[in-house]
Amino acid sequence: MATNLEIDENLIKEALELGGHPTKDAVVEEALREYVQRRKQLKILELFGTIEYDDDYDYKQQRRSR
């Protein structure tokens, strides 16, 4: 999908150097992948403390019964 974006040229140059990417397209694609990954991680973090656990559950017992 072709998309025209106006992105700060200095920012693109710095990202090209830091990331070692061959093209501007590769830089933008990698940045979007990292953005999506980070947002997914944040959603997982939101789950902490929301899941109820059985206090009597013994995971070690489950391993021994195999």
PDB file of N, CA and C in Angstrom:
ATOM      1  N   MET A   1       0.848  -1.171   0.000  1.00  0.00           N
ATOM      2  CA  MET A   1       0.000   0.000   0.000  1.00  0.00           C
ATOM      3  C   MET A   1       0.898   1.239   0.000  1.00  0.00           C
ATOM      4  N   ALA A   2       0.771   2.030  -0.961  1.00  0.00           N
ATOM      5  CA  ALA A   2       1.572   3.249  -1.063  1.00  0.00           C
ATOM      6  C   ALA A   2       0.952   4.340  -0.195  1.00  0.00           C
ATOM      7  N   THR A   3       1.814   4.995   0.585  1.00  0.00           N
ATOM      8  CA  THR A   3       1.365   6.064   1.466  1.00  0.00           C
ATOM      9  C   THR A   3       2.407   7.165   1.443  1.00  0.00           C
ATOM     10  N   ASN A   4       1.944   8.386   1.300  1.00  0.00           N
ATOM     11  CA  ASN A   4       2.845   9.532   1.331  1.00  0.00           C
ATOM     12  C   ASN A   4       2.830  10.133   2.725  1.00  0.00           C
ATOM     13  N   LEU A   5       4.010  10.256   3.313  1.00  0.00           N
ATOM     14  CA  LEU A   5       4.133  10.826   4.649  1.00  0.00           C
ATOM     15  C   LEU A   5       5.194  11.913   4.643  1.00  0.00           C
ATOM     16  N   GLU A   6       4.950  12.941   5.418  1.00  0.00           N
ATOM     17  CA  GLU A   6       5.976  13.955   5.617  1.00  0.00           C
ATOM     18  C   GLU A   6       6.575  13.708   6.990  1.00  0.00           C
ATOM     19  N   ILE A   7       7.811  13.215   6.995  1.00  0.00           N
ATOM     20  CA  ILE A   7       8.493  12.873   8.239  1.00  0.00           C
ATOM     21  C   ILE A   7       9.765  13.702   8.314  1.00  0.00           C
ATOM     22  N   ASP A   8      10.076  14.161   9.506  1.00  0.00           N
ATOM     23  CA  ASP A   8      11.275  14.958   9.751  1.00  0.00           C
ATOM     24  C   ASP A   8      12.490  14.244   9.151  1.00  0.00           C
ATOM     25  N   GLU A   9      13.152  14.881   8.209  1.00  0.00           N
ATOM     26  CA  GLU A   9      14.275  14.275   7.489  1.00  0.00           C
ATOM     27  C   GLU A   9      15.432  13.932   8.432  1.00  0.00           C
ATOM     28  N   ASN A  10      15.679  14.785   9.417  1.00  0.00           N
ATOM     29  CA  ASN A  10      16.752  14.494  10.380  1.00  0.00           C
ATOM     30  C   ASN A  10      16.436  13.248  11.206  1.00  0.00           C
ATOM     31  N   LEU A  11      15.182  13.087  11.540  1.00  0.00           N
ATOM     32  CA  LEU A  11      14.761  11.917  12.301  1.00  0.00           C
ATOM     33  C   LEU A  11      14.942  10.644  11.479  1.00  0.00           C
ATOM     34  N   ILE A  12      14.577  10.704  10.216  1.00  0.00           N
ATOM     35  CA  ILE A  12      14.758   9.552   9.324  1.00  0.00           C
ATOM     36  C   ILE A  12      16.243   9.223   9.172  1.00  0.00           C
ATOM     37  N   LYS A  13      17.066  10.238   8.980  1.00  0.00           N
ATOM     38  CA  LYS A  13      18.510  10.006   8.832  1.00  0.00           C
ATOM     39  C   LYS A  13      19.091   9.346  10.077  1.00  0.00           C
ATOM     40  N   GLU A  14      18.691   9.837  11.239  1.00  0.00           N
ATOM     41  CA  GLU A  14      19.188   9.262  12.491  1.00  0.00           C
ATOM     42  C   GLU A  14      18.739   7.805  12.642  1.00  0.00           C
ATOM     43  N   ALA A  15      17.495   7.544  12.298  1.00  0.00           N
ATOM     44  CA  ALA A  15      16.979   6.174  12.384  1.00  0.00           C
ATOM     45  C   ALA A  15      17.692   5.251  11.399  1.00  0.00           C
ATOM     46  N   LEU A  16      17.992   5.752  10.209  1.00  0.00           N
ATOM     47  CA  LEU A  16      18.732   4.958   9.223  1.00  0.00           C
ATOM     48  C   LEU A  16      20.105   4.569   9.760  1.00  0.00           C
ATOM     49  N   GLU A  17      20.765   5.518  10.389  1.00  0.00           N
ATOM     50  CA  GLU A  17      22.097   5.259  10.932  1.00  0.00           C
ATOM     51  C   GLU A  17      22.041   4.307  12.125  1.00  0.00           C
ATOM     52  N   LEU A  18      21.130   4.566  13.036  1.00  0.00           N
ATOM     53  CA  LEU A  18      21.041   3.746  14.247  1.00  0.00           C
ATOM     54  C   LEU A  18      20.590   2.315  13.954  1.00  0.00           C
ATOM     55  N   GLY A  19      19.623   2.197  13.070  1.00  0.00           N
ATOM     56  CA  GLY A  19      19.052   0.883  12.798  1.00  0.00           C
ATOM     57  C   GLY A  19      19.783   0.093  11.732  1.00  0.00           C
ATOM     58  N   GLY A  20      20.595   0.783  10.952  1.00  0.00           N
ATOM     59  CA  GLY A  20      21.305   0.104   9.877  1.00  0.00           C
ATOM     60  C   GLY A  20      20.382  -0.380   8.775  1.00  0.00           C
ATOM     61  N   HIS A  21      19.260   0.271   8.632  1.00  0.00           N
ATOM     62  CA  HIS A  21      18.302  -0.118   7.598  1.00  0.00           C
ATOM     63  C   HIS A  21      18.731   0.438   6.242  1.00  0.00           C
ATOM     64  N   PRO A  22      18.453  -0.309   5.190  1.00  0.00           N
ATOM     65  CA  PRO A  22      18.903   0.125   3.865  1.00  0.00           C
ATOM     66  C   PRO A  22      18.064   1.249   3.244  1.00  0.00           C
ATOM     67  N   THR A  23      16.783   1.341   3.660  1.00  0.00           N
ATOM     68  CA  THR A  23      15.898   2.327   3.027  1.00  0.00           C
ATOM     69  C   THR A  23      15.028   3.021   4.073  1.00  0.00           C
ATOM     70  N   LYS A  24      14.449   4.128   3.663  1.00  0.00           N
ATOM     71  CA  LYS A  24      13.499   4.834   4.526  1.00  0.00           C
ATOM     72  C   LYS A  24      12.279   3.966   4.788  1.00  0.00           C
ATOM     73  N   ASP A  25      11.841   3.239   3.777  1.00  0.00           N
ATOM     74  CA  ASP A  25      10.688   2.350   3.948  1.00  0.00           C
ATOM     75  C   ASP A  25      10.953   1.322   5.035  1.00  0.00           C
ATOM     76  N   ALA A  26      12.160   0.787   5.057  1.00  0.00           N
ATOM     77  CA  ALA A  26      12.523  -0.220   6.063  1.00  0.00           C
ATOM     78  C   ALA A  26      12.509   0.393   7.463  1.00  0.00           C
ATOM     79  N   VAL A  27      12.952   1.633   7.573  1.00  0.00           N
ATOM     80  CA  VAL A  27      12.941   2.327   8.859  1.00  0.00           C
ATOM     81  C   VAL A  27      11.512   2.501   9.356  1.00  0.00           C
ATOM     82  N   VAL A  28      10.647   2.985   8.494  1.00  0.00           N
ATOM     83  CA  VAL A  28       9.257   3.228   8.883  1.00  0.00           C
ATOM     84  C   VAL A  28       8.568   1.913   9.238  1.00  0.00           C
ATOM     85  N   GLU A  29       8.802   0.873   8.459  1.00  0.00           N
ATOM     86  CA  GLU A  29       8.180  -0.421   8.740  1.00  0.00           C
ATOM     87  C   GLU A  29       8.648  -0.966  10.086  1.00  0.00           C
ATOM     88  N   GLU A  30       9.926  -0.895  10.360  1.00  0.00           N
ATOM     89  CA  GLU A  30      10.456  -1.366  11.641  1.00  0.00           C
ATOM     90  C   GLU A  30       9.891  -0.555  12.794  1.00  0.00           C
ATOM     91  N   ALA A  31       9.788   0.748  12.611  1.00  0.00           N
ATOM     92  CA  ALA A  31       9.236   1.607  13.656  1.00  0.00           C
ATOM     93  C   ALA A  31       7.789   1.234  13.949  1.00  0.00           C
ATOM     94  N   LEU A  32       7.027   0.948  12.906  1.00  0.00           N
ATOM     95  CA  LEU A  32       5.633   0.558  13.107  1.00  0.00           C
ATOM     96  C   LEU A  32       5.532  -0.795  13.802  1.00  0.00           C
ATOM     97  N   ARG A  33       6.403  -1.729  13.439  1.00  0.00           N
ATOM     98  CA  ARG A  33       6.411  -3.038  14.113  1.00  0.00           C
ATOM     99  C   ARG A  33       6.700  -2.873  15.608  1.00  0.00           C
ATOM    100  N   GLU A  34       7.697  -2.057  15.927  1.00  0.00           N
ATOM    101  CA  GLU A  34       8.042  -1.827  17.326  1.00  0.00           C
ATOM    102  C   GLU A  34       6.898  -1.135  18.059  1.00  0.00           C
ATOM    103  N   TYR A  35       6.228  -0.199  17.404  1.00  0.00           N
ATOM    104  CA  TYR A  35       5.094   0.502  18.004  1.00  0.00           C
ATOM    105  C   TYR A  35       3.974  -0.474  18.335  1.00  0.00           C
ATOM    106  N   VAL A  36       3.626  -1.319  17.377  1.00  0.00           N
ATOM    107  CA  VAL A  36       2.553  -2.294  17.582  1.00  0.00           C
ATOM    108  C   VAL A  36       2.930  -3.265  18.700  1.00  0.00           C
ATOM    109  N   GLN A  37       4.164  -3.749  18.685  1.00  0.00           N
ATOM    110  CA  GLN A  37       4.622  -4.677  19.719  1.00  0.00           C
ATOM    111  C   GLN A  37       4.520  -4.032  21.105  1.00  0.00           C
ATOM    112  N   ARG A  38       4.948  -2.797  21.214  1.00  0.00           N
ATOM    113  CA  ARG A  38       4.906  -2.092  22.501  1.00  0.00           C
ATOM    114  C   ARG A  38       3.474  -1.913  22.981  1.00  0.00           C
ATOM    115  N   ARG A  39       2.571  -1.581  22.084  1.00  0.00           N
ATOM    116  CA  ARG A  39       1.167  -1.392  22.474  1.00  0.00           C
ATOM    117  C   ARG A  39       0.554  -2.708  22.948  1.00  0.00           C
ATOM    118  N   LYS A  40       0.930  -3.819  22.311  1.00  0.00           N
ATOM    119  CA  LYS A  40       0.445  -5.129  22.746  1.00  0.00           C
ATOM    120  C   LYS A  40       0.988  -5.460  24.132  1.00  0.00           C
ATOM    121  N   GLN A  41       2.242  -5.123  24.380  1.00  0.00           N
ATOM    122  CA  GLN A  41       2.831  -5.356  25.693  1.00  0.00           C
ATOM    123  C   GLN A  41       2.107  -4.550  26.764  1.00  0.00           C
ATOM    124  N   LEU A  42       1.753  -3.324  26.446  1.00  0.00           N
ATOM    125  CA  LEU A  42       1.042  -2.490  27.406  1.00  0.00           C
ATOM    126  C   LEU A  42      -0.324  -3.077  27.735  1.00  0.00           C
ATOM    127  N   LYS A  43      -0.994  -3.663  26.741  1.00  0.00           N
ATOM    128  CA  LYS A  43      -2.294  -4.299  26.981  1.00  0.00           C
ATOM    129  C   LYS A  43      -2.143  -5.491  27.913  1.00  0.00           C
ATOM    130  N   ILE A  44      -1.063  -6.243  27.757  1.00  0.00           N
ATOM    131  CA  ILE A  44      -0.814  -7.386  28.640  1.00  0.00           C
ATOM    132  C   ILE A  44      -0.563  -6.894  30.068  1.00  0.00           C
ATOM    133  N   LEU A  45       0.192  -5.822  30.201  1.00  0.00           N
ATOM    134  CA  LEU A  45       0.466  -5.277  31.527  1.00  0.00           C
ATOM    135  C   LEU A  45      -0.809  -4.846  32.239  1.00  0.00           C
ATOM    136  N   GLU A  46      -1.798  -4.414  31.481  1.00  0.00           N
ATOM    137  CA  GLU A  46      -3.072  -3.995  32.072  1.00  0.00           C
ATOM    138  C   GLU A  46      -3.790  -5.165  32.740  1.00  0.00           C
ATOM    139  N   LEU A  47      -3.467  -6.395  32.340  1.00  0.00           N
ATOM    140  CA  LEU A  47      -4.118  -7.566  32.910  1.00  0.00           C
ATOM    141  C   LEU A  47      -3.610  -7.911  34.310  1.00  0.00           C
ATOM    142  N   PHE A  48      -2.419  -7.445  34.658  1.00  0.00           N
ATOM    143  CA  PHE A  48      -1.870  -7.773  35.968  1.00  0.00           C
ATOM    144  C   PHE A  48      -2.815  -7.308  37.073  1.00  0.00           C
ATOM    145  N   GLY A  49      -3.093  -8.235  37.971  1.00  0.00           N
ATOM    146  CA  GLY A  49      -3.976  -7.939  39.083  1.00  0.00           C
ATOM    147  C   GLY A  49      -5.440  -8.134  38.767  1.00  0.00           C
ATOM    148  N   THR A  50      -5.773  -8.501  37.538  1.00  0.00           N
ATOM    149  CA  THR A  50      -7.181  -8.667  37.180  1.00  0.00           C
ATOM    150  C   THR A  50      -7.591 -10.137  37.092  1.00  0.00           C
ATOM    151  N   ILE A  51      -6.627 -11.036  37.163  1.00  0.00           N
ATOM    152  CA  ILE A  51      -6.923 -12.457  37.054  1.00  0.00           C
ATOM    153  C   ILE A  51      -6.909 -13.059  38.456  1.00  0.00           C
ATOM    154  N   GLU A  52      -7.971 -13.780  38.789  1.00  0.00           N
ATOM    155  CA  GLU A  52      -8.051 -14.407  40.103  1.00  0.00           C
ATOM    156  C   GLU A  52      -7.418 -15.787  40.041  1.00  0.00           C
ATOM    157  N   TYR A  53      -6.627 -16.096  41.052  1.00  0.00           N
ATOM    158  CA  TYR A  53      -5.959 -17.381  41.130  1.00  0.00           C
ATOM    159  C   TYR A  53      -6.484 -18.161  42.327  1.00  0.00           C
ATOM    160  N   ASP A  54      -6.468 -19.488  42.202  1.00  0.00           N
ATOM    161  CA  ASP A  54      -6.850 -20.362  43.297  1.00  0.00           C
ATOM    162  C   ASP A  54      -5.656 -20.482  44.229  1.00  0.00           C
ATOM    163  N   ASP A  55      -5.803 -20.025  45.457  1.00  0.00           N
ATOM    164  CA  ASP A  55      -4.701 -20.046  46.416  1.00  0.00           C
ATOM    165  C   ASP A  55      -4.229 -21.468  46.728  1.00  0.00           C
ATOM    166  N   ASP A  56      -5.097 -22.441  46.565  1.00  0.00           N
ATOM    167  CA  ASP A  56      -4.752 -23.826  46.871  1.00  0.00           C
ATOM    168  C   ASP A  56      -4.130 -24.563  45.694  1.00  0.00           C
ATOM    169  N   TYR A  57      -4.014 -23.929  44.551  1.00  0.00           N
ATOM    170  CA  TYR A  57      -3.454 -24.587  43.368  1.00  0.00           C
ATOM    171  C   TYR A  57      -1.965 -24.875  43.580  1.00  0.00           C
ATOM    172  N   ASP A  58      -1.563 -26.100  43.310  1.00  0.00           N
ATOM    173  CA  ASP A  58      -0.177 -26.521  43.496  1.00  0.00           C
ATOM    174  C   ASP A  58       0.386 -26.937  42.137  1.00  0.00           C
ATOM    175  N   TYR A  59       1.079 -26.042  41.490  1.00  0.00           N
ATOM    176  CA  TYR A  59       1.610 -26.350  40.161  1.00  0.00           C
ATOM    177  C   TYR A  59       2.665 -27.449  40.227  1.00  0.00           C
ATOM    178  N   LYS A  60       3.357 -27.555  41.338  1.00  0.00           N
ATOM    179  CA  LYS A  60       4.370 -28.608  41.476  1.00  0.00           C
ATOM    180  C   LYS A  60       3.700 -29.979  41.491  1.00  0.00           C
ATOM    181  N   GLN A  61       2.551 -30.076  42.115  1.00  0.00           N
ATOM    182  CA  GLN A  61       1.802 -31.340  42.132  1.00  0.00           C
ATOM    183  C   GLN A  61       1.391 -31.718  40.712  1.00  0.00           C
ATOM    184  N   GLN A  62       1.008 -30.749  39.921  1.00  0.00           N
ATOM    185  CA  GLN A  62       0.627 -31.011  38.529  1.00  0.00           C
ATOM    186  C   GLN A  62       1.806 -31.591  37.756  1.00  0.00           C
ATOM    187  N   ARG A  63       2.983 -31.093  38.007  1.00  0.00           N
ATOM    188  CA  ARG A  63       4.180 -31.581  37.305  1.00  0.00           C
ATOM    189  C   ARG A  63       4.511 -33.009  37.716  1.00  0.00           C
ATOM    190  N   ARG A  64       4.331 -33.341  38.999  1.00  0.00           N
ATOM    191  CA  ARG A  64       4.667 -34.674  39.493  1.00  0.00           C
ATOM    192  C   ARG A  64       3.714 -35.734  38.955  1.00  0.00           C
ATOM    193  N   SER A  65       2.500 -35.356  38.645  1.00  0.00           N
ATOM    194  CA  SER A  65       1.503 -36.350  38.225  1.00  0.00           C
ATOM    195  C   SER A  65       1.634 -36.740  36.757  1.00  0.00           C
ATOM    196  N   ARG A  66       2.541 -36.171  36.042  1.00  0.00           N
ATOM    197  CA  ARG A  66       2.691 -36.492  34.616  1.00  0.00           C
ATOM    198  C   ARG A  66       3.418 -37.767  34.396  1.00  0.00           C
TER     199      ARG A  66
END
